[in-house]
């Protein structure tokens, strides 16, 4: 299936193809606890995601080892995706940013990122 998504203001858009999304993933690390987003349980390789952003709006926050890159729109503040610590360069997406996905109806697993 082809999925499309964006931040709240639409300055950052993205698309990728994946099997039907039937569940999500939450993480208990310090940043994910504060974001509270439901992420994709799968990762998207960098060559499989198309990201379009208005000039200068896609900002990145990194901490600790600096390997994980948490991307957000600096206009509306929404986090649409991040590049993972465990699979550098690959993306997990914020399922709440995807068109046509109701995250309140998706079951999810919890990843113990606090222990990594």
C-alpha atoms as a PDB file:
ATOM      1  CA  UNK A   1       0.000   0.000   0.000  1.00  0.00           C
ATOM      2  CA  UNK A   2       1.113   3.555  -0.626  1.00  0.00           C
ATOM      3  CA  UNK A   3       1.024   5.793   2.443  1.00  0.00           C
ATOM      4  CA  UNK A   4       1.203   9.574   2.494  1.00  0.00           C
ATOM      5  CA  UNK A   5       1.645  11.821   5.482  1.00  0.00           C
ATOM      6  CA  UNK A   6       2.565  15.273   6.680  1.00  0.00           C
ATOM      7  CA  UNK A   7       3.169  17.469   9.661  1.00  0.00           C
ATOM      8  CA  UNK A   8       0.207  19.548  10.899  1.00  0.00           C
ATOM      9  CA  UNK A   9       0.875  22.619   8.732  1.00  0.00           C
ATOM     10  CA  UNK A  10       1.823  20.626   5.624  1.00  0.00           C
ATOM     11  CA  UNK A  11       5.338  22.050   5.316  1.00  0.00           C
ATOM     12  CA  UNK A  12       6.780  18.526   5.618  1.00  0.00           C
ATOM     13  CA  UNK A  13       5.244  15.726   3.542  1.00  0.00           C
ATOM     14  CA  UNK A  14       6.367  12.164   2.973  1.00  0.00           C
ATOM     15  CA  UNK A  15       5.308   8.944   1.269  1.00  0.00           C
ATOM     16  CA  UNK A  16       6.358   5.312   1.235  1.00  0.00           C
ATOM     17  CA  UNK A  17       4.985   1.869   0.424  1.00  0.00           C
ATOM     18  CA  UNK A  18       4.423  -0.805   3.040  1.00  0.00           C
ATOM     19  CA  UNK A  19       2.087  -3.689   3.876  1.00  0.00           C
ATOM     20  CA  UNK A  20      -1.205  -2.703   5.500  1.00  0.00           C
ATOM     21  CA  UNK A  21      -0.533  -1.081   8.871  1.00  0.00           C
ATOM     22  CA  UNK A  22      -2.304  -3.092  11.571  1.00  0.00           C
ATOM     23  CA  UNK A  23      -0.332  -2.130  14.686  1.00  0.00           C
ATOM     24  CA  UNK A  24       2.096   0.375  16.073  1.00  0.00           C
ATOM     25  CA  UNK A  25       4.974   0.735  18.493  1.00  0.00           C
ATOM     26  CA  UNK A  26       5.562   2.900  21.519  1.00  0.00           C
ATOM     27  CA  UNK A  27       8.921   3.386  23.179  1.00  0.00           C
ATOM     28  CA  UNK A  28       9.723   4.210  26.793  1.00  0.00           C
ATOM     29  CA  UNK A  29      12.989   6.108  26.195  1.00  0.00           C
ATOM     30  CA  UNK A  30      13.185   9.669  27.497  1.00  0.00           C
ATOM     31  CA  UNK A  31      12.269  11.447  24.241  1.00  0.00           C
ATOM     32  CA  UNK A  32       9.539   9.010  23.159  1.00  0.00           C
ATOM     33  CA  UNK A  33       7.902   9.249  26.591  1.00  0.00           C
ATOM     34  CA  UNK A  34       7.625  13.005  26.127  1.00  0.00           C
ATOM     35  CA  UNK A  35       6.514  12.822  22.462  1.00  0.00           C
ATOM     36  CA  UNK A  36       3.847  10.210  23.148  1.00  0.00           C
ATOM     37  CA  UNK A  37       3.598   9.293  19.459  1.00  0.00           C
ATOM     38  CA  UNK A  38       2.525   5.959  18.057  1.00  0.00           C
ATOM     39  CA  UNK A  39       5.316   4.934  15.692  1.00  0.00           C
ATOM     40  CA  UNK A  40       5.478   2.386  12.921  1.00  0.00           C
ATOM     41  CA  UNK A  41       6.418  -1.085  14.110  1.00  0.00           C
ATOM     42  CA  UNK A  42       8.452  -1.444  10.905  1.00  0.00           C
ATOM     43  CA  UNK A  43      11.348   0.624   9.608  1.00  0.00           C
ATOM     44  CA  UNK A  44      11.460   2.256   6.196  1.00  0.00           C
ATOM     45  CA  UNK A  45      14.806   2.179   4.331  1.00  0.00           C
ATOM     46  CA  UNK A  46      16.037   5.619   3.261  1.00  0.00           C
ATOM     47  CA  UNK A  47      15.669   4.784  -0.430  1.00  0.00           C
ATOM     48  CA  UNK A  48      12.011   3.800   0.107  1.00  0.00           C
ATOM     49  CA  UNK A  49      10.759   7.053   1.626  1.00  0.00           C
ATOM     50  CA  UNK A  50      10.225  10.290  -0.263  1.00  0.00           C
ATOM     51  CA  UNK A  51      10.423  13.390   1.939  1.00  0.00           C
ATOM     52  CA  UNK A  52       9.529  16.881   0.778  1.00  0.00           C
ATOM     53  CA  UNK A  53       9.995  19.875   3.045  1.00  0.00           C
ATOM     54  CA  UNK A  54       9.700  23.599   2.566  1.00  0.00           C
ATOM     55  CA  UNK A  55      13.109  25.249   2.750  1.00  0.00           C
ATOM     56  CA  UNK A  56      14.478  25.437   6.270  1.00  0.00           C
ATOM     57  CA  UNK A  57      11.513  23.846   8.083  1.00  0.00           C
ATOM     58  CA  UNK A  58      12.716  20.289   8.712  1.00  0.00           C
ATOM     59  CA  UNK A  59      14.685  20.434  11.933  1.00  0.00           C
ATOM     60  CA  UNK A  60      16.529  17.601  13.664  1.00  0.00           C
ATOM     61  CA  UNK A  61      17.105  16.839  17.325  1.00  0.00           C
ATOM     62  CA  UNK A  62      19.689  14.301  18.425  1.00  0.00           C
ATOM     63  CA  UNK A  63      21.043  13.378  21.842  1.00  0.00           C
ATOM     64  CA  UNK A  64      23.180  10.718  23.529  1.00  0.00           C
ATOM     65  CA  UNK A  65      25.244   8.954  20.861  1.00  0.00           C
ATOM     66  CA  UNK A  66      23.744  11.204  18.157  1.00  0.00           C
ATOM     67  CA  UNK A  67      22.886   8.167  16.012  1.00  0.00           C
ATOM     68  CA  UNK A  68      19.099   8.553  16.206  1.00  0.00           C
ATOM     69  CA  UNK A  69      17.821  11.638  14.399  1.00  0.00           C
ATOM     70  CA  UNK A  70      14.420  12.935  15.533  1.00  0.00           C
ATOM     71  CA  UNK A  71      12.978  15.135  12.794  1.00  0.00           C
ATOM     72  CA  UNK A  72      10.288  17.752  13.341  1.00  0.00           C
ATOM     73  CA  UNK A  73       8.698  20.697  11.581  1.00  0.00           C
ATOM     74  CA  UNK A  74       9.961  23.936  13.070  1.00  0.00           C
ATOM     75  CA  UNK A  75       6.748  25.733  12.008  1.00  0.00           C
ATOM     76  CA  UNK A  76       4.106  23.556  13.668  1.00  0.00           C
ATOM     77  CA  UNK A  77       6.349  21.438  15.932  1.00  0.00           C
ATOM     78  CA  UNK A  78       5.053  18.049  14.784  1.00  0.00           C
ATOM     79  CA  UNK A  79       7.367  15.021  14.704  1.00  0.00           C
ATOM     80  CA  UNK A  80       6.597  13.091  11.473  1.00  0.00           C
ATOM     81  CA  UNK A  81       9.471  10.558  11.577  1.00  0.00           C
ATOM     82  CA  UNK A  82      12.873   9.700  13.001  1.00  0.00           C
ATOM     83  CA  UNK A  83      15.952   7.765  11.950  1.00  0.00           C
ATOM     84  CA  UNK A  84      16.540   4.913  14.354  1.00  0.00           C
ATOM     85  CA  UNK A  85      19.297   4.110  16.796  1.00  0.00           C
ATOM     86  CA  UNK A  86      19.149   0.349  16.188  1.00  0.00           C
ATOM     87  CA  UNK A  87      19.041   0.618  12.384  1.00  0.00           C
ATOM     88  CA  UNK A  88      20.854   3.881  11.539  1.00  0.00           C
ATOM     89  CA  UNK A  89      19.501   5.766   8.535  1.00  0.00           C
ATOM     90  CA  UNK A  90      16.228   3.812   8.492  1.00  0.00           C
ATOM     91  CA  UNK A  91      13.012   5.564   9.469  1.00  0.00           C
ATOM     92  CA  UNK A  92      10.113   4.942  11.804  1.00  0.00           C
ATOM     93  CA  UNK A  93       7.136   7.149  11.059  1.00  0.00           C
ATOM     94  CA  UNK A  94       4.641   8.811  13.371  1.00  0.00           C
ATOM     95  CA  UNK A  95       1.464   6.932  12.447  1.00  0.00           C
ATOM     96  CA  UNK A  96      -0.586   9.935  13.572  1.00  0.00           C
ATOM     97  CA  UNK A  97       0.861  11.870  10.623  1.00  0.00           C
ATOM     98  CA  UNK A  98      -0.382   9.369   8.032  1.00  0.00           C
ATOM     99  CA  UNK A  99      -3.485  10.107   5.989  1.00  0.00           C
ATOM    100  CA  UNK A 100      -6.345   7.693   6.674  1.00  0.00           C
ATOM    101  CA  UNK A 101      -4.905   6.033   9.798  1.00  0.00           C
ATOM    102  CA  UNK A 102      -6.840   6.199  13.075  1.00  0.00           C
ATOM    103  CA  UNK A 103      -4.191   5.539  15.706  1.00  0.00           C
ATOM    104  CA  UNK A 104      -6.809   5.219  18.466  1.00  0.00           C
ATOM    105  CA  UNK A 105      -7.920   1.940  16.897  1.00  0.00           C
ATOM    106  CA  UNK A 106      -4.457   0.356  16.521  1.00  0.00           C
ATOM    107  CA  UNK A 107      -2.967  -2.067  19.036  1.00  0.00           C
ATOM    108  CA  UNK A 108       0.685  -1.488  19.879  1.00  0.00           C
ATOM    109  CA  UNK A 109       3.744  -3.093  21.413  1.00  0.00           C
ATOM    110  CA  UNK A 110       6.144  -1.292  23.742  1.00  0.00           C
ATOM    111  CA  UNK A 111       9.865  -1.215  23.021  1.00  0.00           C
ATOM    112  CA  UNK A 112      12.126  -0.878  26.084  1.00  0.00           C
ATOM    113  CA  UNK A 113      14.265   1.925  24.687  1.00  0.00           C
ATOM    114  CA  UNK A 114      15.024   3.153  28.206  1.00  0.00           C
ATOM    115  CA  UNK A 115      17.270   0.104  28.640  1.00  0.00           C
ATOM    116  CA  UNK A 116      19.233   0.621  25.417  1.00  0.00           C
END
